Amino acid sequence: MTTKSYAVIGAGPSGLAVMRALQKAGIDATGYEASHDVGGLWDITNPRSTMYSSAHLISSRTTTEFTEFPMDSDVDYPGHRVLKRYFDDYADEFGLRDRFRFGTRVDRLERDNGDGTGTGTGTGTGTGTGWILHARVQDEDGAHTALVERYDGVILANGTLAEPNVPAFPGEFAGEIMHTSAYKDPAQLAGRRVLIIGAGNSGCDIAVDAVHHAESVDLSVRRGYYFVPRYLFGRPSDTLNQGRPLPARIKQAIDSRVLRAFTGDPVRFGFPRPDYRIYESHPIVNTLVLNHLGQGDLRIRADVERFDHDTVHFRDGTAGDYDLVLLATGYALDYPFVDREHLNWTGASPRLFLNVFPPSFNGLYMMGMIEASGIGWQGRYEQAELIAAYLAAEDADPARAARFRDRVTTQSWPDLTGGYRYLGLARMSYYVNKDAYRRAVRTEKAALAETTTPAGSGRRGA
């Protein structure tokens, strides 16, 4: 076991992954979870969950699950209930629940000034002096008790899809405005004239729900999208081409032609033509919305210009009357318990080496702040293994850890785009190409690998 103390914030997929990787590396850690159980957003009973009743994976089971713990299901695209059971089973199999304090919300992280009072402000380098964690523990009656602990390092794994991004629009709307984070069930849409703003994966999922319950459904879009069917040639589409990755331009050329053959041109349904190549933004894994457009169950509207009582005016000069405006406008990264300077925020997101390590090496580590088509939870677990490898090196071989820090601070960082020119949007600021990212993580992990045999490497059924 290491001699240093660590905290993990969050018991969703990323928190479980990093706790498992630390366990296997023989590193003790204490987890903090504001909700009552594991699962994060996949636990629809979690007060901060943004899950809705019809939600399923948009990546297939075999490309998403942890390699050492296959999902106990033969469904290609499981729903949230199956996934909650999966995380329950994962936590039970490896004894991870005992490592978390549930019902405990982290309010504040402060730099330790050296005597445990938490008033320090320096960014620190290398080993630093640690962090003071302030939290609130909620009992069964809802009362809170303050908790203060000191740790040498803290791993942030509280997710990327909890803080709604709520844009402002000119004018006032007389009806209800709701972000998709508050949407749980299609009964909320029954008999209402609904405008959904945004056609990402959640927006399209809810549009498909809405056509069966709402009086009318319109979908306001700002840009064009690429639509990927869940099945191609009888197989989950993301299980194809799993070998050596093709160069970006060749893959884009081939896949765009395949998609046109299977889905046609979304422009004919009213979508704008995309002003970017496929995979330069996250594709929409939902072709049912195209079916409903073809059936006249919903229609595409232009970007919103302004609200006027119950009327919404669009930028193409048209207008419509609605009872409910549903904002499918995504989420903003949210780490409210730590000052931004400690995470090297640049624009819409922290700028971190491999989306994990602040260049100051101040004892904070980011887990799960990556988005990439097809990276799955195994890709995130490999990220967790890199964190564990660095922490183990800090304890057992400080010189090796110092060489890693030196590479990060003095050499060029690897290109994680894989040759794709991602859109310059806030939600794309931490997007990576799965192959380029996993290759870079594995390279760094190999350089940090411990020479001793990791502890606790049990497998399912052992």
Protein backbone atom coordinates (compact mmCIF):
# COMPACT_ATOMS: atom_id res chain seq x y z
CA MET A 1 0.00 0.00 0.00
CA THR A 2 1.16 3.56 -0.65
CA THR A 3 1.95 5.87 2.23
CA LYS A 4 -0.09 8.77 0.84
CA SER A 5 -3.81 9.44 1.16
CA TYR A 6 -6.19 10.01 -1.75
CA ALA A 7 -9.83 10.94 -2.26
CA VAL A 8 -12.08 10.14 -5.21
CA ILE A 9 -15.09 12.38 -5.86
CA GLY A 10 -17.99 10.56 -7.56
CA ALA A 11 -19.21 6.95 -7.71
CA GLY A 12 -20.43 6.88 -11.30
CA PRO A 13 -18.66 4.91 -14.05
CA SER A 14 -15.53 7.07 -13.87
CA GLY A 15 -15.35 6.98 -10.08
CA LEU A 16 -15.79 3.21 -10.03
CA ALA A 17 -13.16 2.81 -12.75
CA VAL A 18 -10.53 4.82 -10.94
CA MET A 19 -11.31 3.18 -7.60
CA ARG A 20 -10.85 -0.23 -9.21
CA ALA A 21 -7.56 0.81 -10.83
CA LEU A 22 -6.27 2.16 -7.52
CA GLN A 23 -7.34 -1.03 -5.79
CA LYS A 24 -5.41 -3.18 -8.28
CA ALA A 25 -2.34 -0.98 -7.86
CA GLY A 26 -2.47 -1.33 -4.08
CA ILE A 27 -3.37 2.33 -3.51
CA ASP A 28 -5.84 3.14 -0.75
CA ALA A 29 -8.43 5.84 -1.38
CA THR A 30 -11.66 7.17 0.12
CA GLY A 31 -14.55 7.87 -2.20
CA TYR A 32 -17.20 10.57 -1.80
CA GLU A 33 -20.62 10.35 -3.43
CA ALA A 34 -23.43 12.84 -2.84
CA SER A 35 -26.11 10.31 -3.79
CA HIS A 36 -27.10 7.14 -1.95
CA ASP A 37 -25.44 4.57 -4.22
CA VAL A 38 -23.15 3.89 -7.16
CA GLY A 39 -24.09 4.51 -10.79
CA GLY A 40 -23.92 8.27 -11.21
CA LEU A 41 -26.29 9.56 -13.87
CA TRP A 42 -27.30 5.98 -14.78
CA ASP A 43 -29.10 5.79 -11.42
CA ILE A 44 -32.35 7.56 -12.29
CA THR A 45 -33.12 7.84 -8.54
CA ASN A 46 -29.99 9.93 -8.01
CA PRO A 47 -31.20 13.54 -7.49
CA ARG A 48 -28.53 14.81 -9.88
CA SER A 49 -29.21 12.18 -12.53
CA THR A 50 -30.09 13.56 -15.95
CA MET A 51 -31.44 10.20 -17.10
CA TYR A 52 -34.91 9.74 -18.63
CA SER A 53 -37.08 6.64 -18.71
CA SER A 54 -36.48 5.76 -22.37
CA ALA A 55 -32.69 6.27 -22.30
CA HIS A 56 -30.42 3.55 -23.71
CA LEU A 57 -26.77 3.36 -24.63
CA ILE A 58 -25.96 4.95 -27.97
CA SER A 59 -22.81 2.83 -28.17
CA SER A 60 -23.16 -0.92 -28.20
CA ARG A 61 -22.68 -3.11 -25.16
CA THR A 62 -19.44 -4.82 -26.25
CA THR A 63 -17.69 -1.56 -27.17
CA THR A 64 -18.78 0.11 -23.93
CA GLU A 65 -18.33 -2.41 -21.08
CA PHE A 66 -15.24 -2.90 -18.91
CA THR A 67 -13.06 -5.61 -20.42
CA GLU A 68 -12.47 -7.48 -17.16
CA PHE A 69 -16.19 -7.47 -16.31
CA PRO A 70 -18.48 -8.23 -19.29
CA MET A 71 -22.08 -7.12 -18.96
CA ASP A 72 -24.54 -9.80 -17.89
CA SER A 73 -26.82 -9.10 -20.85
CA ASP A 74 -27.16 -10.09 -24.48
CA VAL A 75 -28.92 -6.84 -25.43
CA ASP A 76 -26.94 -4.78 -27.92
CA TYR A 77 -28.04 -1.36 -26.59
CA PRO A 78 -29.10 -1.76 -22.92
CA GLY A 79 -31.33 0.73 -21.13
CA HIS A 80 -30.49 2.63 -17.98
CA ARG A 81 -31.98 0.04 -15.63
CA VAL A 82 -29.70 -2.68 -17.00
CA LEU A 83 -26.74 -0.34 -16.70
CA LYS A 84 -27.54 0.54 -13.09
CA ARG A 85 -27.53 -3.19 -12.28
CA TYR A 86 -24.23 -3.50 -14.14
CA PHE A 87 -22.57 -0.88 -11.95
CA ASP A 88 -24.10 -2.45 -8.85
CA ASP A 89 -22.62 -5.81 -9.87
CA TYR A 90 -19.26 -4.24 -10.74
CA ALA A 91 -19.03 -2.53 -7.35
CA ASP A 92 -20.06 -5.71 -5.52
CA GLU A 93 -17.70 -7.98 -7.46
CA PHE A 94 -14.62 -5.96 -6.50
CA GLY A 95 -15.75 -4.68 -3.10
CA LEU A 96 -15.80 -1.04 -4.18
CA ARG A 97 -18.83 0.11 -2.21
CA ASP A 98 -16.93 -0.12 1.06
CA ARG A 99 -14.46 2.42 -0.28
CA PHE A 100 -17.11 5.15 -0.70
CA ARG A 101 -18.88 7.44 1.73
CA PHE A 102 -22.39 7.82 0.33
CA GLY A 103 -24.70 10.72 1.09
CA THR A 104 -21.59 12.89 1.36
CA ARG A 105 -21.35 15.99 -0.83
CA VAL A 106 -17.99 17.66 -1.37
CA ASP A 107 -18.39 21.43 -0.99
CA ARG A 108 -14.85 22.69 -1.18
CA LEU A 109 -11.25 21.72 -1.90
CA GLU A 110 -8.55 24.01 -0.52
CA ARG A 111 -4.79 23.83 -0.76
CA ASP A 112 -3.22 22.74 2.52
CA ASN A 113 -0.81 25.40 3.73
CA GLY A 114 1.24 22.80 5.53
CA ASP A 115 -0.50 22.64 8.90
CA GLY A 116 -3.87 21.21 7.78
CA THR A 117 -5.80 24.49 7.95
CA GLY A 118 -6.55 24.73 4.25
CA THR A 119 -5.66 28.38 3.72
CA GLY A 120 -2.84 27.90 1.24
CA THR A 121 -3.18 29.35 -2.27
CA GLY A 122 -0.09 28.09 -4.11
CA THR A 123 -0.49 25.86 -7.13
CA GLY A 124 2.33 23.56 -6.06
CA THR A 125 4.49 21.29 -8.21
CA GLY A 126 5.28 17.62 -7.97
CA THR A 127 4.37 16.33 -4.54
CA GLY A 128 2.80 19.56 -3.17
CA THR A 129 1.38 19.79 0.35
CA GLY A 130 -2.03 18.25 -0.17
CA TRP A 131 -5.68 19.26 -0.06
CA ILE A 132 -8.25 19.96 2.61
CA LEU A 133 -11.62 18.47 1.64
CA HIS A 134 -14.78 20.02 3.09
CA ALA A 135 -17.94 17.94 2.80
CA ARG A 136 -21.43 17.54 4.23
CA VAL A 137 -22.75 14.18 5.39
CA GLN A 138 -26.51 13.76 5.14
CA ASP A 139 -28.25 11.44 7.60
CA GLU A 140 -31.55 9.58 7.13
CA ASP A 141 -33.52 12.57 8.43
CA GLY A 142 -31.92 14.94 5.95
CA ALA A 143 -29.74 16.72 8.50
CA HIS A 144 -26.16 17.56 7.52
CA THR A 145 -22.93 17.19 9.46
CA ALA A 146 -19.75 18.95 8.40
CA LEU A 147 -16.75 16.79 7.54
CA VAL A 148 -13.18 17.99 7.01
CA GLU A 149 -10.39 15.66 5.85
CA ARG A 150 -6.89 16.11 4.47
CA TYR A 151 -5.54 14.20 1.45
CA ASP A 152 -2.29 14.19 -0.48
CA GLY A 153 -4.22 14.01 -3.74
CA VAL A 154 -7.79 14.21 -5.00
CA ILE A 155 -9.21 12.58 -8.13
CA LEU A 156 -12.20 14.37 -9.63
CA ALA A 157 -14.63 11.88 -11.16
CA ASN A 158 -17.94 13.68 -10.76
CA GLY A 159 -18.91 13.44 -14.43
CA THR A 160 -19.48 15.80 -17.33
CA LEU A 161 -23.26 15.61 -17.79
CA ALA A 162 -24.76 17.09 -14.62
CA GLU A 163 -24.70 20.90 -15.03
CA PRO A 164 -27.27 22.02 -17.65
CA ASN A 165 -26.16 24.48 -20.28
CA VAL A 166 -29.06 26.95 -20.40
CA PRO A 167 -28.71 29.58 -23.15
CA ALA A 168 -30.50 32.93 -22.95
CA PHE A 169 -32.94 34.01 -25.67
CA PRO A 170 -34.32 37.50 -26.35
CA GLY A 171 -37.88 38.13 -25.22
CA GLU A 172 -40.09 36.28 -22.76
CA PHE A 173 -41.91 32.97 -23.13
CA ALA A 174 -45.32 32.57 -21.45
CA GLY A 175 -45.23 28.78 -21.39
CA GLU A 176 -42.82 26.43 -19.65
CA ILE A 177 -39.10 26.28 -20.43
CA MET A 178 -37.44 23.04 -19.35
CA HIS A 179 -33.92 21.68 -19.85
CA THR A 180 -33.69 18.02 -20.85
CA SER A 181 -32.00 17.38 -17.49
CA ALA A 182 -35.47 17.77 -15.93
CA TYR A 183 -37.15 15.48 -18.45
CA LYS A 184 -37.92 12.03 -17.04
CA ASP A 185 -41.02 10.65 -18.73
CA PRO A 186 -43.10 11.34 -21.88
CA ALA A 187 -46.12 12.03 -19.65
CA GLN A 188 -44.55 15.47 -19.14
CA LEU A 189 -45.25 16.18 -22.82
CA ALA A 190 -48.81 14.87 -23.07
CA GLY A 191 -51.18 17.10 -25.03
CA ARG A 192 -48.69 19.95 -25.32
CA ARG A 193 -47.29 21.87 -28.27
CA VAL A 194 -43.58 21.15 -27.84
CA LEU A 195 -40.55 22.88 -29.30
CA ILE A 196 -37.25 21.06 -28.74
CA ILE A 197 -34.22 23.29 -29.18
CA GLY A 198 -31.21 21.23 -30.20
CA ALA A 199 -30.98 17.97 -32.10
CA GLY A 200 -28.25 16.13 -30.27
CA ASN A 201 -28.74 12.54 -29.17
CA SER A 202 -30.94 13.48 -26.20
CA GLY A 203 -32.97 15.94 -28.26
CA CYS A 204 -33.66 13.33 -30.92
CA ASP A 205 -34.48 10.65 -28.32
CA ILE A 206 -37.02 12.93 -26.67
CA ALA A 207 -38.47 13.97 -30.03
CA VAL A 208 -39.19 10.30 -30.73
CA ASP A 209 -40.86 10.04 -27.30
CA ALA A 210 -42.83 13.21 -27.90
CA VAL A 211 -44.48 12.22 -31.17
CA HIS A 212 -46.47 9.58 -29.29
CA HIS A 213 -47.70 11.92 -26.55
CA ALA A 214 -47.50 15.61 -27.49
CA GLU A 215 -50.07 17.51 -29.52
CA SER A 216 -47.30 18.65 -31.86
CA VAL A 217 -43.49 18.48 -31.95
CA ASP A 218 -41.04 20.82 -33.64
CA LEU A 219 -37.26 20.53 -33.57
CA SER A 220 -35.24 23.76 -33.79
CA VAL A 221 -31.73 23.26 -35.15
CA ARG A 222 -28.77 25.54 -35.74
CA ARG A 223 -26.60 23.26 -37.88
CA GLY A 224 -26.70 20.02 -39.83
CA TYR A 225 -26.03 16.57 -38.40
CA TYR A 226 -24.85 13.15 -39.49
CA PHE A 227 -27.18 10.31 -38.54
CA VAL A 228 -25.72 6.87 -37.82
CA PRO A 229 -28.06 3.85 -37.68
CA ARG A 230 -27.63 1.53 -34.73
CA TYR A 231 -27.25 -1.42 -37.11
CA LEU A 232 -25.30 -1.74 -40.34
CA PHE A 233 -25.14 -5.02 -42.25
CA GLY A 234 -27.01 -6.68 -39.37
CA ARG A 235 -24.47 -5.72 -36.70
CA PRO A 236 -24.20 -2.84 -34.20
CA SER A 237 -22.65 -0.13 -36.32
CA ASP A 238 -19.85 0.70 -33.88
CA THR A 239 -18.58 -2.90 -33.93
CA LEU A 240 -17.52 -2.54 -37.57
CA ASN A 241 -13.98 -1.47 -38.53
CA GLN A 242 -12.53 -2.32 -35.10
CA GLY A 243 -9.13 -3.19 -36.48
CA ARG A 244 -6.35 -0.81 -37.35
CA PRO A 245 -7.89 2.67 -37.68
CA LEU A 246 -8.12 4.21 -41.11
CA PRO A 247 -6.67 7.68 -41.75
CA ALA A 248 -9.26 10.32 -40.92
CA ARG A 249 -9.96 11.52 -44.47
CA ILE A 250 -10.32 7.98 -45.83
CA LYS A 251 -12.68 6.94 -43.02
CA GLN A 252 -14.74 10.07 -43.46
CA ALA A 253 -15.05 9.49 -47.19
CA ILE A 254 -16.03 5.81 -46.84
CA ASP A 255 -18.42 6.22 -43.91
CA SER A 256 -20.22 9.23 -45.34
CA ARG A 257 -20.98 7.22 -48.49
CA VAL A 258 -22.18 4.23 -46.45
CA LEU A 259 -24.45 6.47 -44.38
CA ARG A 260 -25.98 8.08 -47.45
CA ALA A 261 -26.78 4.59 -48.73
CA PHE A 262 -28.51 3.60 -45.48
CA THR A 263 -30.08 6.83 -44.24
CA GLY A 264 -30.33 9.07 -47.28
CA ASP A 265 -29.73 12.80 -47.08
CA PRO A 266 -31.14 14.44 -43.90
CA VAL A 267 -31.36 17.72 -45.82
CA ARG A 268 -34.49 16.43 -47.55
CA PHE A 269 -36.20 16.33 -44.13
CA GLY A 270 -35.38 19.97 -43.44
CA PHE A 271 -32.01 19.76 -41.70
CA PRO A 272 -29.32 22.23 -42.80
CA ARG A 273 -26.44 20.71 -44.69
CA PRO A 274 -23.54 20.08 -42.27
CA ASP A 275 -20.73 22.61 -42.58
CA TYR A 276 -18.22 20.06 -41.29
CA ARG A 277 -17.12 16.52 -42.11
CA ILE A 278 -18.48 13.45 -40.39
CA TYR A 279 -16.92 12.71 -36.96
CA GLU A 280 -15.83 16.34 -36.52
CA SER A 281 -18.77 16.57 -34.14
CA HIS A 282 -20.55 13.75 -32.32
CA PRO A 283 -22.90 11.93 -34.76
CA ILE A 284 -26.54 11.28 -33.91
CA VAL A 285 -27.17 7.59 -33.26
CA ASN A 286 -30.91 7.77 -33.90
CA THR A 287 -32.50 7.28 -37.29
CA LEU A 288 -36.03 6.91 -35.89
CA VAL A 289 -36.24 10.68 -35.86
CA LEU A 290 -35.82 10.61 -39.65
CA ASN A 291 -38.66 8.09 -39.91
CA HIS A 292 -40.95 10.38 -37.93
CA LEU A 293 -39.96 13.36 -40.05
CA GLY A 294 -40.83 11.33 -43.14
CA GLN A 295 -44.19 10.45 -41.60
CA GLY A 296 -44.96 14.07 -40.76
CA ASP A 297 -45.00 13.41 -37.01
CA LEU A 298 -42.62 16.30 -36.38
CA ARG A 299 -40.96 19.08 -38.36
CA ILE A 300 -37.66 20.91 -38.44
CA ARG A 301 -37.48 24.57 -37.53
CA ALA A 302 -34.66 27.09 -37.93
CA ASP A 303 -32.61 28.51 -35.06
CA VAL A 304 -34.56 30.58 -32.52
CA GLU A 305 -34.49 34.35 -32.90
CA ARG A 306 -36.71 35.45 -29.99
CA PHE A 307 -39.63 34.62 -27.71
CA ASP A 308 -42.87 36.60 -27.69
CA HIS A 309 -45.47 35.37 -25.16
CA ASP A 310 -46.39 31.87 -26.44
CA THR A 311 -44.91 32.50 -29.88
CA VAL A 312 -41.37 31.60 -30.91
CA HIS A 313 -39.87 33.48 -33.86
CA PHE A 314 -37.20 31.74 -35.91
CA ARG A 315 -34.29 33.19 -37.87
CA ASP A 316 -35.80 32.25 -41.23
CA GLY A 317 -38.78 34.56 -40.59
CA THR A 318 -41.24 31.83 -39.57
CA ALA A 319 -42.95 31.51 -36.18
CA GLY A 320 -44.94 28.99 -34.14
CA ASP A 321 -46.97 28.82 -30.94
CA TYR A 322 -45.93 26.44 -28.14
CA ASP A 323 -46.77 25.41 -24.59
CA LEU A 324 -43.39 23.92 -23.76
CA VAL A 325 -39.86 24.75 -24.89
CA LEU A 326 -37.46 21.89 -24.13
CA LEU A 327 -33.79 22.83 -24.14
CA ALA A 328 -31.67 19.98 -25.51
CA THR A 329 -28.66 22.27 -25.26
CA GLY A 330 -26.23 19.99 -23.50
CA TYR A 331 -24.15 20.40 -20.38
CA ALA A 332 -21.29 22.51 -19.09
CA LEU A 333 -18.30 21.12 -17.22
CA ASP A 334 -18.81 21.75 -13.54
CA TYR A 335 -16.23 21.46 -10.75
CA PRO A 336 -17.67 24.06 -8.35
CA PHE A 337 -15.75 22.84 -5.31
CA VAL A 338 -12.30 23.90 -6.54
CA ASP A 339 -10.99 27.22 -7.88
CA ARG A 340 -10.49 27.22 -11.63
CA GLU A 341 -6.84 28.25 -11.38
CA HIS A 342 -6.02 24.85 -9.88
CA LEU A 343 -7.41 23.05 -12.95
CA ASN A 344 -5.76 25.28 -15.55
CA TRP A 345 -9.08 26.32 -17.14
CA THR A 346 -8.71 27.63 -20.68
CA GLY A 347 -11.94 28.72 -22.30
CA ALA A 348 -14.71 26.16 -21.84
CA SER A 349 -12.68 23.44 -20.12
CA PRO A 350 -9.54 22.70 -18.12
CA ARG A 351 -6.40 22.25 -20.21
CA LEU A 352 -4.80 19.09 -18.84
CA PHE A 353 -2.22 16.64 -20.08
CA LEU A 354 -4.22 13.75 -21.57
CA ASN A 355 -7.27 15.45 -19.99
CA VAL A 356 -5.98 14.17 -16.63
CA PHE A 357 -2.98 16.04 -15.21
CA PRO A 358 -2.79 19.80 -14.50
CA PRO A 359 0.63 20.93 -15.73
CA SER A 360 1.34 22.29 -12.22
CA PHE A 361 1.05 18.75 -10.78
CA ASN A 362 -0.68 20.15 -7.71
CA GLY A 363 -2.21 16.90 -6.46
CA LEU A 364 -5.45 17.11 -8.44
CA TYR A 365 -6.26 14.54 -11.13
CA MET A 366 -9.17 14.53 -13.55
CA MET A 367 -10.98 11.30 -14.35
CA GLY A 368 -13.55 10.93 -17.13
CA MET A 369 -13.24 14.38 -18.73
CA ILE A 370 -13.12 12.89 -22.21
CA GLU A 371 -15.66 12.45 -24.94
CA ALA A 372 -14.94 10.31 -27.98
CA SER A 373 -16.97 8.13 -30.27
CA GLY A 374 -16.40 4.52 -29.26
CA ILE A 375 -14.06 5.02 -26.31
CA GLY A 376 -16.42 3.28 -23.89
CA TRP A 377 -15.82 2.69 -20.21
CA GLN A 378 -12.78 0.57 -20.98
CA GLY A 379 -11.10 3.62 -22.50
CA ARG A 380 -11.85 5.51 -19.32
CA TYR A 381 -10.56 2.62 -17.24
CA GLU A 382 -7.25 2.84 -19.10
CA GLN A 383 -7.18 6.51 -18.13
CA ALA A 384 -7.69 5.40 -14.52
CA GLU A 385 -4.82 2.94 -14.84
CA LEU A 386 -2.54 5.80 -15.90
CA ILE A 387 -3.51 7.79 -12.80
CA ALA A 388 -2.80 4.74 -10.64
CA ALA A 389 0.54 4.16 -12.35
CA TYR A 390 1.61 7.75 -11.68
CA LEU A 391 0.55 7.66 -8.03
CA ALA A 392 2.34 4.33 -7.53
CA ALA A 393 5.50 5.77 -9.10
CA GLU A 394 5.33 8.83 -6.85
CA ASP A 395 5.42 6.53 -3.83
CA ALA A 396 7.74 3.74 -4.98
CA ASP A 397 9.99 5.47 -7.52
CA PRO A 398 9.90 9.29 -7.19
CA ALA A 399 12.56 9.69 -9.87
CA ARG A 400 10.34 7.94 -12.41
CA ALA A 401 7.41 10.17 -11.46
CA ALA A 402 9.67 13.21 -11.77
CA ARG A 403 10.66 12.18 -15.31
CA PHE A 404 6.98 11.93 -16.21
CA ARG A 405 6.34 15.43 -14.85
CA ASP A 406 9.34 16.72 -16.75
CA ARG A 407 8.02 15.30 -20.03
CA VAL A 408 4.64 16.90 -19.42
CA THR A 409 6.02 20.32 -18.60
CA THR A 410 8.87 20.54 -21.12
CA GLN A 411 7.81 18.57 -24.18
CA SER A 412 5.02 18.90 -26.73
CA TRP A 413 1.80 17.15 -25.78
CA PRO A 414 0.56 14.38 -28.10
CA ASP A 415 -2.04 15.12 -30.75
CA LEU A 416 -5.28 13.51 -29.56
CA THR A 417 -7.40 14.45 -32.60
CA GLY A 418 -6.41 11.52 -34.82
CA GLY A 419 -6.39 13.94 -37.75
CA TYR A 420 -10.01 15.09 -37.26
CA ARG A 421 -10.76 18.81 -37.22
CA TYR A 422 -13.27 19.03 -34.40
CA LEU A 423 -15.73 21.89 -34.29
CA GLY A 424 -14.63 24.76 -32.06
CA LEU A 425 -17.58 24.38 -29.68
CA ALA A 426 -17.56 24.33 -25.88
CA ARG A 427 -18.86 20.76 -25.82
CA MET A 428 -16.06 19.70 -28.17
CA SER A 429 -13.27 21.31 -26.12
CA TYR A 430 -12.45 18.01 -24.38
CA TYR A 431 -13.27 15.74 -27.32
CA VAL A 432 -10.59 13.27 -28.45
CA ASN A 433 -10.17 10.55 -31.02
CA LYS A 434 -10.44 7.21 -29.23
CA ASP A 435 -7.53 5.56 -31.06
CA ALA A 436 -5.15 8.49 -30.66
CA TYR A 437 -6.11 8.89 -27.02
CA ARG A 438 -5.81 5.27 -26.01
CA ARG A 439 -2.47 4.99 -27.81
CA ALA A 440 -1.11 8.02 -25.93
CA VAL A 441 -2.40 6.76 -22.58
CA ARG A 442 -0.89 3.32 -23.10
CA THR A 443 2.46 4.85 -24.04
CA GLU A 444 2.59 6.91 -20.86
CA LYS A 445 1.35 4.02 -18.72
CA ALA A 446 4.11 1.77 -20.06
CA ALA A 447 6.70 4.35 -19.05
CA LEU A 448 5.26 4.48 -15.55
CA ALA A 449 4.58 0.76 -15.10
CA GLU A 450 5.43 -0.72 -11.75
CA THR A 451 7.86 -3.64 -11.66
CA THR A 452 5.94 -5.35 -8.88
CA THR A 453 2.84 -7.47 -9.37
CA PRO A 454 -0.34 -5.41 -8.76
CA ALA A 455 -2.54 -6.48 -5.87
CA GLY A 456 -6.20 -7.39 -6.03
CA SER A 457 -6.37 -8.36 -9.69
CA GLY A 458 -9.31 -10.75 -9.25
CA ARG A 459 -11.71 -11.47 -12.08
CA ARG A 460 -15.39 -12.09 -12.27
CA GLY A 461 -16.35 -15.34 -10.64
CA ALA A 462 -13.01 -15.73 -8.86
